[in-house]
Amino acid sequence: MNFKIALVAGALALGVAGCMTPMASAPPAAVTSAAVFVPTAASSNLFEIESSRLALRRARDPEVRRFARQMIRDHQLATRRMASVLRSSGMPVPPPALNAKHQQMLATVEAAPDFDAAYVNAQLMAHQEAVALFTSYSSSGDVPQLASFAGQTLPVLQMHLDHVQSLGGGAPGM
């Protein structure tokens, strides 16, 4: 565990976390519209999958690679489940695409000199945002089936957040 904390501290010293801090600085607004929730959730899932595929190639820590495998598996399942809910609700399934924020996060992780620390930090931020998004939409979303999906997915996202914090993503200063 001390090694992981040292990795995170090193990332802070190198400015990796500083590069990503503005992306997570503002508290998220309440999301009640499927028009906002769907593309944001889809981009979030794709970010988790793509950054985790990158982690399988570049991460040095076996725990980080295990976490990445879990992210790919769980977020692919969430993507399929959301597409199913959208189809059954008569809504279009968005094409897979990262929004600008997730593109920037992926580029930052990819370019980081300390990949493991950058990946863990990005996962922490992404899961904090996802938990807030899914919490908001599950409690006040405008499409009941989609709000139910958000509520059912929330415990898995919270588990991911707890897991990434145990990898060092919850170190002081983050």
C-alpha atoms as a PDB file:
ATOM      1  CA  MET A   1       0.000   0.000   0.000  1.00  0.00           C
ATOM      2  CA  ASN A   2       2.837   2.430   0.761  1.00  0.00           C
ATOM      3  CA  PHE A   3       4.164   1.887  -2.759  1.00  0.00           C
ATOM      4  CA  LYS A   4       0.785   2.877  -4.187  1.00  0.00           C
ATOM      5  CA  ILE A   5       0.630   5.987  -2.032  1.00  0.00           C
ATOM      6  CA  ALA A   6       4.156   6.835  -3.154  1.00  0.00           C
ATOM      7  CA  LEU A   7       3.002   6.475  -6.767  1.00  0.00           C
ATOM      8  CA  VAL A   8       0.163   8.893  -6.178  1.00  0.00           C
ATOM      9  CA  ALA A   9       2.423  11.331  -4.346  1.00  0.00           C
ATOM     10  CA  GLY A  10       4.869  11.114  -7.233  1.00  0.00           C
ATOM     11  CA  ALA A  11       2.110  11.911  -9.665  1.00  0.00           C
ATOM     12  CA  LEU A  12       1.197  14.966  -7.649  1.00  0.00           C
ATOM     13  CA  ALA A  13       4.816  16.086  -7.620  1.00  0.00           C
ATOM     14  CA  LEU A  14       5.021  15.634 -11.382  1.00  0.00           C
ATOM     15  CA  GLY A  15       1.875  17.663 -11.879  1.00  0.00           C
ATOM     16  CA  VAL A  16      -0.176  14.826 -13.319  1.00  0.00           C
ATOM     17  CA  ALA A  17      -2.971  15.311 -10.829  1.00  0.00           C
ATOM     18  CA  GLY A  18      -2.707  19.063 -11.256  1.00  0.00           C
ATOM     19  CA  CYS A  19      -3.384  18.684 -14.960  1.00  0.00           C
ATOM     20  CA  MET A  20      -6.617  16.843 -14.260  1.00  0.00           C
ATOM     21  CA  THR A  21      -7.881  18.784 -11.229  1.00  0.00           C
ATOM     22  CA  PRO A  22      -9.888  21.407 -13.195  1.00  0.00           C
ATOM     23  CA  MET A  23     -11.958  18.639 -14.756  1.00  0.00           C
ATOM     24  CA  ALA A  24     -13.300  17.578 -11.367  1.00  0.00           C
ATOM     25  CA  SER A  25     -13.356  20.893  -9.548  1.00  0.00           C
ATOM     26  CA  ALA A  26     -16.984  21.984  -9.983  1.00  0.00           C
ATOM     27  CA  PRO A  27     -19.725  20.050  -8.242  1.00  0.00           C
ATOM     28  CA  PRO A  28     -22.024  18.412 -10.779  1.00  0.00           C
ATOM     29  CA  ALA A  29     -25.433  19.933 -11.373  1.00  0.00           C
ATOM     30  CA  ALA A  30     -28.518  17.800 -10.829  1.00  0.00           C
ATOM     31  CA  VAL A  31     -29.177  15.707 -13.922  1.00  0.00           C
ATOM     32  CA  THR A  32     -32.852  15.060 -14.584  1.00  0.00           C
ATOM     33  CA  SER A  33     -32.907  14.875 -18.388  1.00  0.00           C
ATOM     34  CA  ALA A  34     -32.170  11.737 -20.403  1.00  0.00           C
ATOM     35  CA  ALA A  35     -30.792  14.073 -23.080  1.00  0.00           C
ATOM     36  CA  VAL A  36     -27.959  14.919 -20.648  1.00  0.00           C
ATOM     37  CA  PHE A  37     -27.703  11.645 -18.753  1.00  0.00           C
ATOM     38  CA  VAL A  38     -27.418   9.258 -21.730  1.00  0.00           C
ATOM     39  CA  PRO A  39     -24.479  10.838 -23.595  1.00  0.00           C
ATOM     40  CA  THR A  40     -22.655  11.594 -20.332  1.00  0.00           C
ATOM     41  CA  ALA A  41     -23.097   8.052 -19.005  1.00  0.00           C
ATOM     42  CA  ALA A  42     -22.145   6.577 -22.400  1.00  0.00           C
ATOM     43  CA  SER A  43     -18.977   8.672 -22.542  1.00  0.00           C
ATOM     44  CA  SER A  44     -18.130   7.761 -18.954  1.00  0.00           C
ATOM     45  CA  ASN A  45     -18.496   4.047 -19.682  1.00  0.00           C
ATOM     46  CA  LEU A  46     -16.375   4.350 -22.813  1.00  0.00           C
ATOM     47  CA  PHE A  47     -13.694   6.267 -20.900  1.00  0.00           C
ATOM     48  CA  GLU A  48     -13.584   3.494 -18.285  1.00  0.00           C
ATOM     49  CA  ILE A  49     -13.234   0.853 -20.986  1.00  0.00           C
ATOM     50  CA  GLU A  50     -10.641   2.665 -23.130  1.00  0.00           C
ATOM     51  CA  SER A  51      -8.462   3.871 -20.253  1.00  0.00           C
ATOM     52  CA  SER A  52      -8.582   0.396 -18.731  1.00  0.00           C
ATOM     53  CA  ARG A  53      -7.560  -1.239 -22.015  1.00  0.00           C
ATOM     54  CA  LEU A  54      -4.617   1.126 -21.998  1.00  0.00           C
ATOM     55  CA  ALA A  55      -3.891   0.111 -18.388  1.00  0.00           C
ATOM     56  CA  LEU A  56      -3.761  -3.548 -19.378  1.00  0.00           C
ATOM     57  CA  ARG A  57      -0.913  -2.652 -21.746  1.00  0.00           C
ATOM     58  CA  ARG A  58       0.926  -0.062 -19.638  1.00  0.00           C
ATOM     59  CA  ALA A  59       0.268  -0.551 -15.924  1.00  0.00           C
ATOM     60  CA  ARG A  60       3.086  -2.048 -13.893  1.00  0.00           C
ATOM     61  CA  ASP A  61       1.191  -2.808 -10.688  1.00  0.00           C
ATOM     62  CA  PRO A  62      -0.680  -6.142 -10.873  1.00  0.00           C
ATOM     63  CA  GLU A  63      -3.468  -4.698  -8.675  1.00  0.00           C
ATOM     64  CA  VAL A  64      -3.964  -1.855 -11.135  1.00  0.00           C
ATOM     65  CA  ARG A  65      -4.171  -4.355 -14.013  1.00  0.00           C
ATOM     66  CA  ARG A  66      -6.718  -6.447 -12.057  1.00  0.00           C
ATOM     67  CA  PHE A  67      -8.772  -3.328 -11.432  1.00  0.00           C
ATOM     68  CA  ALA A  68      -8.562  -2.469 -15.161  1.00  0.00           C
ATOM     69  CA  ARG A  69      -9.893  -5.911 -16.125  1.00  0.00           C
ATOM     70  CA  GLN A  70     -12.812  -5.428 -13.723  1.00  0.00           C
ATOM     71  CA  MET A  71     -13.527  -1.970 -15.186  1.00  0.00           C
ATOM     72  CA  ILE A  72     -13.635  -3.338 -18.724  1.00  0.00           C
ATOM     73  CA  ARG A  73     -15.949  -6.192 -17.752  1.00  0.00           C
ATOM     74  CA  ASP A  74     -18.305  -4.115 -15.597  1.00  0.00           C
ATOM     75  CA  HIS A  75     -18.506  -1.080 -17.888  1.00  0.00           C
ATOM     76  CA  GLN A  76     -19.080  -3.188 -21.002  1.00  0.00           C
ATOM     77  CA  LEU A  77     -21.979  -4.805 -19.134  1.00  0.00           C
ATOM     78  CA  ALA A  78     -23.312  -1.382 -18.101  1.00  0.00           C
ATOM     79  CA  THR A  79     -23.078  -0.193 -21.712  1.00  0.00           C
ATOM     80  CA  ARG A  80     -25.071  -3.218 -22.933  1.00  0.00           C
ATOM     81  CA  ARG A  81     -27.659  -2.822 -20.165  1.00  0.00           C
ATOM     82  CA  MET A  82     -28.132   0.875 -20.893  1.00  0.00           C
ATOM     83  CA  ALA A  83     -28.511   0.174 -24.630  1.00  0.00           C
ATOM     84  CA  SER A  84     -31.171  -2.435 -23.835  1.00  0.00           C
ATOM     85  CA  VAL A  85     -33.075   0.013 -21.603  1.00  0.00           C
ATOM     86  CA  LEU A  86     -32.862   2.716 -24.254  1.00  0.00           C
ATOM     87  CA  ARG A  87     -34.179   0.399 -26.974  1.00  0.00           C
ATOM     88  CA  SER A  88     -37.037  -0.842 -24.775  1.00  0.00           C
ATOM     89  CA  SER A  89     -37.913   2.788 -23.984  1.00  0.00           C
ATOM     90  CA  GLY A  90     -37.970   3.693 -27.685  1.00  0.00           C
ATOM     91  CA  MET A  91     -34.913   5.928 -27.373  1.00  0.00           C
ATOM     92  CA  PRO A  92     -31.907   5.948 -29.701  1.00  0.00           C
ATOM     93  CA  VAL A  93     -28.685   4.276 -28.561  1.00  0.00           C
ATOM     94  CA  PRO A  94     -25.856   6.790 -28.927  1.00  0.00           C
ATOM     95  CA  PRO A  95     -22.814   5.800 -30.968  1.00  0.00           C
ATOM     96  CA  PRO A  96     -19.743   5.154 -28.817  1.00  0.00           C
ATOM     97  CA  ALA A  97     -17.941   8.477 -28.382  1.00  0.00           C
ATOM     98  CA  LEU A  98     -15.918  10.236 -25.709  1.00  0.00           C
ATOM     99  CA  ASN A  99     -16.987  13.761 -24.835  1.00  0.00           C
ATOM    100  CA  ALA A 100     -14.305  16.475 -24.750  1.00  0.00           C
ATOM    101  CA  LYS A 101     -13.663  16.068 -21.018  1.00  0.00           C
ATOM    102  CA  HIS A 102     -13.166  12.309 -21.263  1.00  0.00           C
ATOM    103  CA  GLN A 103     -10.958  12.752 -24.351  1.00  0.00           C
ATOM    104  CA  GLN A 104      -8.767  15.137 -22.342  1.00  0.00           C
ATOM    105  CA  MET A 105      -8.634  12.774 -19.371  1.00  0.00           C
ATOM    106  CA  LEU A 106      -7.616   9.865 -21.618  1.00  0.00           C
ATOM    107  CA  ALA A 107      -4.936  11.951 -23.334  1.00  0.00           C
ATOM    108  CA  THR A 108      -3.569  13.071 -19.959  1.00  0.00           C
ATOM    109  CA  VAL A 109      -3.388   9.512 -18.644  1.00  0.00           C
ATOM    110  CA  GLU A 110      -1.808   8.276 -21.869  1.00  0.00           C
ATOM    111  CA  ALA A 111       0.914  10.964 -21.785  1.00  0.00           C
ATOM    112  CA  ALA A 112       1.698  10.673 -18.064  1.00  0.00           C
ATOM    113  CA  PRO A 113       5.237   9.653 -17.151  1.00  0.00           C
ATOM    114  CA  ASP A 114       3.852   7.680 -14.178  1.00  0.00           C
ATOM    115  CA  PHE A 115       1.041   5.799 -15.873  1.00  0.00           C
ATOM    116  CA  ASP A 116      -0.208   3.837 -12.859  1.00  0.00           C
ATOM    117  CA  ALA A 117      -0.655   6.918 -10.689  1.00  0.00           C
ATOM    118  CA  ALA A 118      -2.308   8.891 -13.496  1.00  0.00           C
ATOM    119  CA  TYR A 119      -4.685   6.022 -14.263  1.00  0.00           C
ATOM    120  CA  VAL A 120      -5.675   5.588 -10.599  1.00  0.00           C
ATOM    121  CA  ASN A 121      -6.227   9.341 -10.232  1.00  0.00           C
ATOM    122  CA  ALA A 122      -8.342   9.460 -13.404  1.00  0.00           C
ATOM    123  CA  GLN A 123     -10.376   6.479 -12.188  1.00  0.00           C
ATOM    124  CA  LEU A 124     -10.985   8.222  -8.885  1.00  0.00           C
ATOM    125  CA  MET A 125     -12.287  11.349 -10.608  1.00  0.00           C
ATOM    126  CA  ALA A 126     -14.312   9.429 -13.182  1.00  0.00           C
ATOM    127  CA  HIS A 127     -16.005   7.313 -10.521  1.00  0.00           C
ATOM    128  CA  GLN A 128     -16.737  10.282  -8.272  1.00  0.00           C
ATOM    129  CA  GLU A 129     -18.425  11.959 -11.228  1.00  0.00           C
ATOM    130  CA  ALA A 130     -20.264   8.780 -12.270  1.00  0.00           C
ATOM    131  CA  VAL A 131     -21.598   8.193  -8.754  1.00  0.00           C
ATOM    132  CA  ALA A 132     -22.886  11.786  -8.662  1.00  0.00           C
ATOM    133  CA  LEU A 133     -24.424  11.485 -12.151  1.00  0.00           C
ATOM    134  CA  PHE A 134     -26.140   8.164 -11.487  1.00  0.00           C
ATOM    135  CA  THR A 135     -27.313   9.274  -8.022  1.00  0.00           C
ATOM    136  CA  SER A 136     -28.864  12.406  -9.448  1.00  0.00           C
ATOM    137  CA  TYR A 137     -30.570  10.726 -12.382  1.00  0.00           C
ATOM    138  CA  SER A 138     -31.789   7.738 -10.377  1.00  0.00           C
ATOM    139  CA  SER A 139     -33.606  10.029  -7.955  1.00  0.00           C
ATOM    140  CA  SER A 140     -35.129  12.499 -10.424  1.00  0.00           C
ATOM    141  CA  GLY A 141     -34.662  11.272 -13.990  1.00  0.00           C
ATOM    142  CA  ASP A 142     -37.333  11.940 -16.598  1.00  0.00           C
ATOM    143  CA  VAL A 143     -37.421   8.393 -18.051  1.00  0.00           C
ATOM    144  CA  PRO A 144     -38.480   5.930 -15.341  1.00  0.00           C
ATOM    145  CA  GLN A 145     -36.818   2.847 -16.903  1.00  0.00           C
ATOM    146  CA  LEU A 146     -33.559   4.747 -17.322  1.00  0.00           C
ATOM    147  CA  ALA A 147     -33.768   6.112 -13.766  1.00  0.00           C
ATOM    148  CA  SER A 148     -34.250   2.539 -12.556  1.00  0.00           C
ATOM    149  CA  PHE A 149     -31.176   1.442 -14.553  1.00  0.00           C
ATOM    150  CA  ALA A 150     -29.192   4.281 -12.942  1.00  0.00           C
ATOM    151  CA  GLY A 151     -30.294   3.192  -9.473  1.00  0.00           C
ATOM    152  CA  GLN A 152     -29.435  -0.445 -10.167  1.00  0.00           C
ATOM    153  CA  THR A 153     -25.994   0.509 -11.531  1.00  0.00           C
ATOM    154  CA  LEU A 154     -25.135   2.852  -8.675  1.00  0.00           C
ATOM    155  CA  PRO A 155     -23.953   0.174  -6.171  1.00  0.00           C
ATOM    156  CA  VAL A 156     -21.445  -1.153  -8.725  1.00  0.00           C
ATOM    157  CA  LEU A 157     -20.103   2.349  -9.357  1.00  0.00           C
ATOM    158  CA  GLN A 158     -19.782   2.927  -5.610  1.00  0.00           C
ATOM    159  CA  MET A 159     -17.911  -0.381  -5.295  1.00  0.00           C
ATOM    160  CA  HIS A 160     -15.547   0.779  -8.063  1.00  0.00           C
ATOM    161  CA  LEU A 161     -15.011   4.075  -6.241  1.00  0.00           C
ATOM    162  CA  ASP A 162     -14.220   2.262  -2.997  1.00  0.00           C
ATOM    163  CA  HIS A 163     -11.842  -0.075  -4.849  1.00  0.00           C
ATOM    164  CA  VAL A 164      -9.945   2.711  -6.602  1.00  0.00           C
ATOM    165  CA  GLN A 165      -9.563   4.537  -3.283  1.00  0.00           C
ATOM    166  CA  SER A 166      -7.958   1.406  -1.864  1.00  0.00           C
ATOM    167  CA  LEU A 167      -5.450   1.505  -4.734  1.00  0.00           C
ATOM    168  CA  GLY A 168      -4.224   4.887  -3.550  1.00  0.00           C
ATOM    169  CA  GLY A 169      -6.761   7.098  -5.271  1.00  0.00           C
ATOM    170  CA  GLY A 170      -7.963   8.440  -1.952  1.00  0.00           C
ATOM    171  CA  ALA A 171      -4.560   9.688  -0.815  1.00  0.00           C
ATOM    172  CA  PRO A 172      -4.503  13.091   0.879  1.00  0.00           C
ATOM    173  CA  GLY A 173      -4.214  15.998  -1.486  1.00  0.00           C
ATOM    174  CA  MET A 174      -6.312  14.501  -4.236  1.00  0.00           C
END
